[in-house]
C-alpha atoms as a PDB file:
ATOM      1  CA  MET A   1      15.868 -67.892  75.817  1.00  0.00           C
ATOM      2  CA  GLU A   2      17.624 -66.480  78.866  1.00  0.00           C
ATOM      3  CA  THR A   3      19.333 -63.111  78.770  1.00  0.00           C
ATOM      4  CA  SER A   4      22.396 -62.096  80.751  1.00  0.00           C
ATOM      5  CA  GLU A   5      20.057 -60.219  83.121  1.00  0.00           C
ATOM      6  CA  GLN A   6      18.339 -63.503  84.029  1.00  0.00           C
ATOM      7  CA  THR A   7      21.493 -65.481  84.761  1.00  0.00           C
ATOM      8  CA  SER A   8      24.603 -65.126  86.864  1.00  0.00           C
ATOM      9  CA  ARG A   9      27.775 -67.156  87.038  1.00  0.00           C
ATOM     10  CA  VAL A  10      28.430 -69.452  89.988  1.00  0.00           C
ATOM     11  CA  SER A  11      31.976 -70.392  90.916  1.00  0.00           C
ATOM     12  CA  ILE A  12      32.421 -73.911  92.302  1.00  0.00           C
ATOM     13  CA  ARG A  13      35.549 -75.008  94.135  1.00  0.00           C
ATOM     14  CA  TYR A  14      35.940 -78.762  94.596  1.00  0.00           C
ATOM     15  CA  LEU A  15      37.886 -80.067  97.596  1.00  0.00           C
ATOM     16  CA  GLY A  16      38.691 -83.561  98.861  1.00  0.00           C
ATOM     17  CA  LEU A  17      37.043 -86.432  96.994  1.00  0.00           C
ATOM     18  CA  ALA A  18      34.816 -83.940  95.163  1.00  0.00           C
ATOM     19  CA  ARG A  19      37.919 -82.805  93.260  1.00  0.00           C
ATOM     20  CA  LEU A  20      38.672 -86.362  92.181  1.00  0.00           C
ATOM     21  CA  MET A  21      35.072 -87.034  91.131  1.00  0.00           C
ATOM     22  CA  ALA A  22      34.796 -83.777  89.169  1.00  0.00           C
ATOM     23  CA  GLY A  23      38.253 -84.124  87.668  1.00  0.00           C
ATOM     24  CA  SER A  24      39.047 -80.480  88.382  1.00  0.00           C
ATOM     25  CA  GLU A  25      39.604 -78.045  91.218  1.00  0.00           C
ATOM     26  CA  GLU A  26      37.306 -75.286  90.001  1.00  0.00           C
ATOM     27  CA  ASP A  27      34.353 -74.803  87.685  1.00  0.00           C
ATOM     28  CA  PHE A  28      32.121 -71.920  86.572  1.00  0.00           C
ATOM     29  CA  VAL A  29      28.456 -72.499  85.778  1.00  0.00           C
ATOM     30  CA  PRO A  30      25.972 -70.033  84.241  1.00  0.00           C
ATOM     31  CA  TRP A  31      23.123 -69.896  86.723  1.00  0.00           C
ATOM     32  CA  PRO A  32      19.525 -68.589  86.864  1.00  0.00           C
ATOM     33  CA  LYS A  33      18.879 -66.106  89.656  1.00  0.00           C
ATOM     34  CA  ASP A  34      16.348 -68.393  91.370  1.00  0.00           C
ATOM     35  CA  GLY A  35      18.474 -71.575  91.220  1.00  0.00           C
ATOM     36  CA  THR A  36      19.031 -73.464  94.482  1.00  0.00           C
ATOM     37  CA  ILE A  37      21.856 -75.608  95.820  1.00  0.00           C
ATOM     38  CA  ARG A  38      19.686 -78.668  95.099  1.00  0.00           C
ATOM     39  CA  ASP A  39      19.359 -77.523  91.464  1.00  0.00           C
ATOM     40  CA  LEU A  40      23.126 -77.081  91.233  1.00  0.00           C
ATOM     41  CA  LEU A  41      23.802 -80.528  92.692  1.00  0.00           C
ATOM     42  CA  ASN A  42      21.308 -82.109  90.284  1.00  0.00           C
ATOM     43  CA  LEU A  43      23.115 -80.417  87.383  1.00  0.00           C
ATOM     44  CA  LEU A  44      26.477 -81.684  88.659  1.00  0.00           C
ATOM     45  CA  CYS A  45      25.047 -85.201  89.072  1.00  0.00           C
ATOM     46  CA  GLU A  46      23.924 -85.131  85.444  1.00  0.00           C
ATOM     47  CA  ARG A  47      27.352 -83.928  84.400  1.00  0.00           C
ATOM     48  CA  TYR A  48      29.466 -86.347  86.464  1.00  0.00           C
ATOM     49  CA  GLY A  49      27.217 -89.428  86.613  1.00  0.00           C
ATOM     50  CA  ARG A  50      25.764 -91.958  88.998  1.00  0.00           C
ATOM     51  CA  GLU A  51      28.911 -92.461  91.110  1.00  0.00           C
ATOM     52  CA  PHE A  52      29.005 -88.735  91.811  1.00  0.00           C
ATOM     53  CA  GLN A  53      25.289 -88.766  92.691  1.00  0.00           C
ATOM     54  CA  THR A  54      25.544 -91.672  95.137  1.00  0.00           C
ATOM     55  CA  SER A  55      28.557 -90.021  96.782  1.00  0.00           C
ATOM     56  CA  ILE A  56      26.541 -86.838  97.345  1.00  0.00           C
ATOM     57  CA  PHE A  57      22.969 -87.911  98.065  1.00  0.00           C
ATOM     58  CA  THR A  58      21.401 -90.570 100.283  1.00  0.00           C
ATOM     59  CA  MET A  59      18.502 -92.685  98.987  1.00  0.00           C
ATOM     60  CA  ASN A  60      16.175 -90.018 100.493  1.00  0.00           C
ATOM     61  CA  GLN A  61      17.858 -87.243  98.473  1.00  0.00           C
ATOM     62  CA  THR A  62      19.492 -85.663 101.528  1.00  0.00           C
ATOM     63  CA  LEU A  63      23.215 -84.970 101.664  1.00  0.00           C
ATOM     64  CA  GLN A  64      25.565 -87.744 102.714  1.00  0.00           C
ATOM     65  CA  ASN A  65      27.227 -87.037 106.083  1.00  0.00           C
ATOM     66  CA  CYS A  66      30.623 -86.727 104.379  1.00  0.00           C
ATOM     67  CA  VAL A  67      29.457 -83.795 102.198  1.00  0.00           C
ATOM     68  CA  LYS A  68      29.943 -80.177 103.215  1.00  0.00           C
ATOM     69  CA  ILE A  69      28.808 -77.263 101.075  1.00  0.00           C
ATOM     70  CA  GLU A  70      29.515 -73.596 101.735  1.00  0.00           C
ATOM     71  CA  ILE A  71      28.239 -70.540  99.924  1.00  0.00           C
ATOM     72  CA  ASP A  72      30.504 -67.537 100.313  1.00  0.00           C
ATOM     73  CA  GLU A  73      32.158 -69.256 103.325  1.00  0.00           C
ATOM     74  CA  ILE A  74      28.813 -69.988 105.095  1.00  0.00           C
ATOM     75  CA  ASP A  75      27.718 -73.608 105.604  1.00  0.00           C
ATOM     76  CA  ILE A  76      24.384 -74.236 103.851  1.00  0.00           C
ATOM     77  CA  HIS A  77      23.007 -75.700 107.109  1.00  0.00           C
ATOM     78  CA  GLU A  78      23.194 -72.178 108.559  1.00  0.00           C
ATOM     79  CA  LEU A  79      21.119 -70.972 105.594  1.00  0.00           C
ATOM     80  CA  GLN A  80      18.188 -72.860 104.026  1.00  0.00           C
ATOM     81  CA  GLY A  81      20.077 -76.080 103.344  1.00  0.00           C
ATOM     82  CA  LEU A  82      19.565 -77.557  99.878  1.00  0.00           C
ATOM     83  CA  GLU A  83      16.830 -75.007  99.172  1.00  0.00           C
ATOM     84  CA  THR A  84      19.245 -72.068  99.576  1.00  0.00           C
ATOM     85  CA  VAL A  85      19.013 -69.804  96.534  1.00  0.00           C
ATOM     86  CA  LEU A  86      22.378 -68.995  94.995  1.00  0.00           C
ATOM     87  CA  GLY A  87      22.844 -65.272  94.566  1.00  0.00           C
ATOM     88  CA  SER A  88      24.562 -63.471  91.739  1.00  0.00           C
ATOM     89  CA  SER A  89      28.235 -64.487  91.477  1.00  0.00           C
ATOM     90  CA  ALA A  90      28.010 -66.883  94.440  1.00  0.00           C
ATOM     91  CA  LYS A  91      31.136 -68.814  95.368  1.00  0.00           C
ATOM     92  CA  VAL A  92      30.341 -72.415  96.281  1.00  0.00           C
ATOM     93  CA  LYS A  93      32.843 -74.607  98.121  1.00  0.00           C
ATOM     94  CA  PHE A  94      32.014 -78.282  97.710  1.00  0.00           C
ATOM     95  CA  ILE A  95      33.816 -80.742 100.003  1.00  0.00           C
ATOM     96  CA  VAL A  96      33.439 -84.513 100.064  1.00  0.00           C
ATOM     97  CA  SER A  97      35.519 -86.215 102.746  1.00  0.00           C
ATOM     98  CA  ILE A  98      36.285 -89.892 103.125  1.00  0.00           C
ATOM     99  CA  PRO A  99      33.476 -91.448 105.146  1.00  0.00           C
ATOM    100  CA  SER A 100      34.643 -93.001 108.406  1.00  0.00           C
ATOM    101  CA  LEU A 101      34.256 -96.729 108.747  1.00  0.00           C
ATOM    102  CA  ALA A 102      32.213 -98.153 111.610  1.00  0.00           C
ATOM    103  CA  GLY A 103      33.698-100.825 113.755  1.00  0.00           C
ATOM    104  CA  GLY A 104      36.055-101.250 116.558  1.00  0.00           C
END
């Protein structure tokens, strides 16, 4: 069983389509100190279902181009990407934009 010393609380702010998929603007999740962004996204996919998952991940389990994630205002691509460890009381901004349509 985890103690309060082993977990922190992550704040998630949903923007764009992520807000519609999550059904809320903000969420708070108890989080282990060694949890990564990938772990968080997997938890959210379990919570919000297959449609959420396919909107976030490609078939190769990389982020869709329309997804942007920031931790404390820093894009995860400037950190360690999906393997970025979330620190104590991290603030995650999760943005899913409308994908642009190809064509002309």
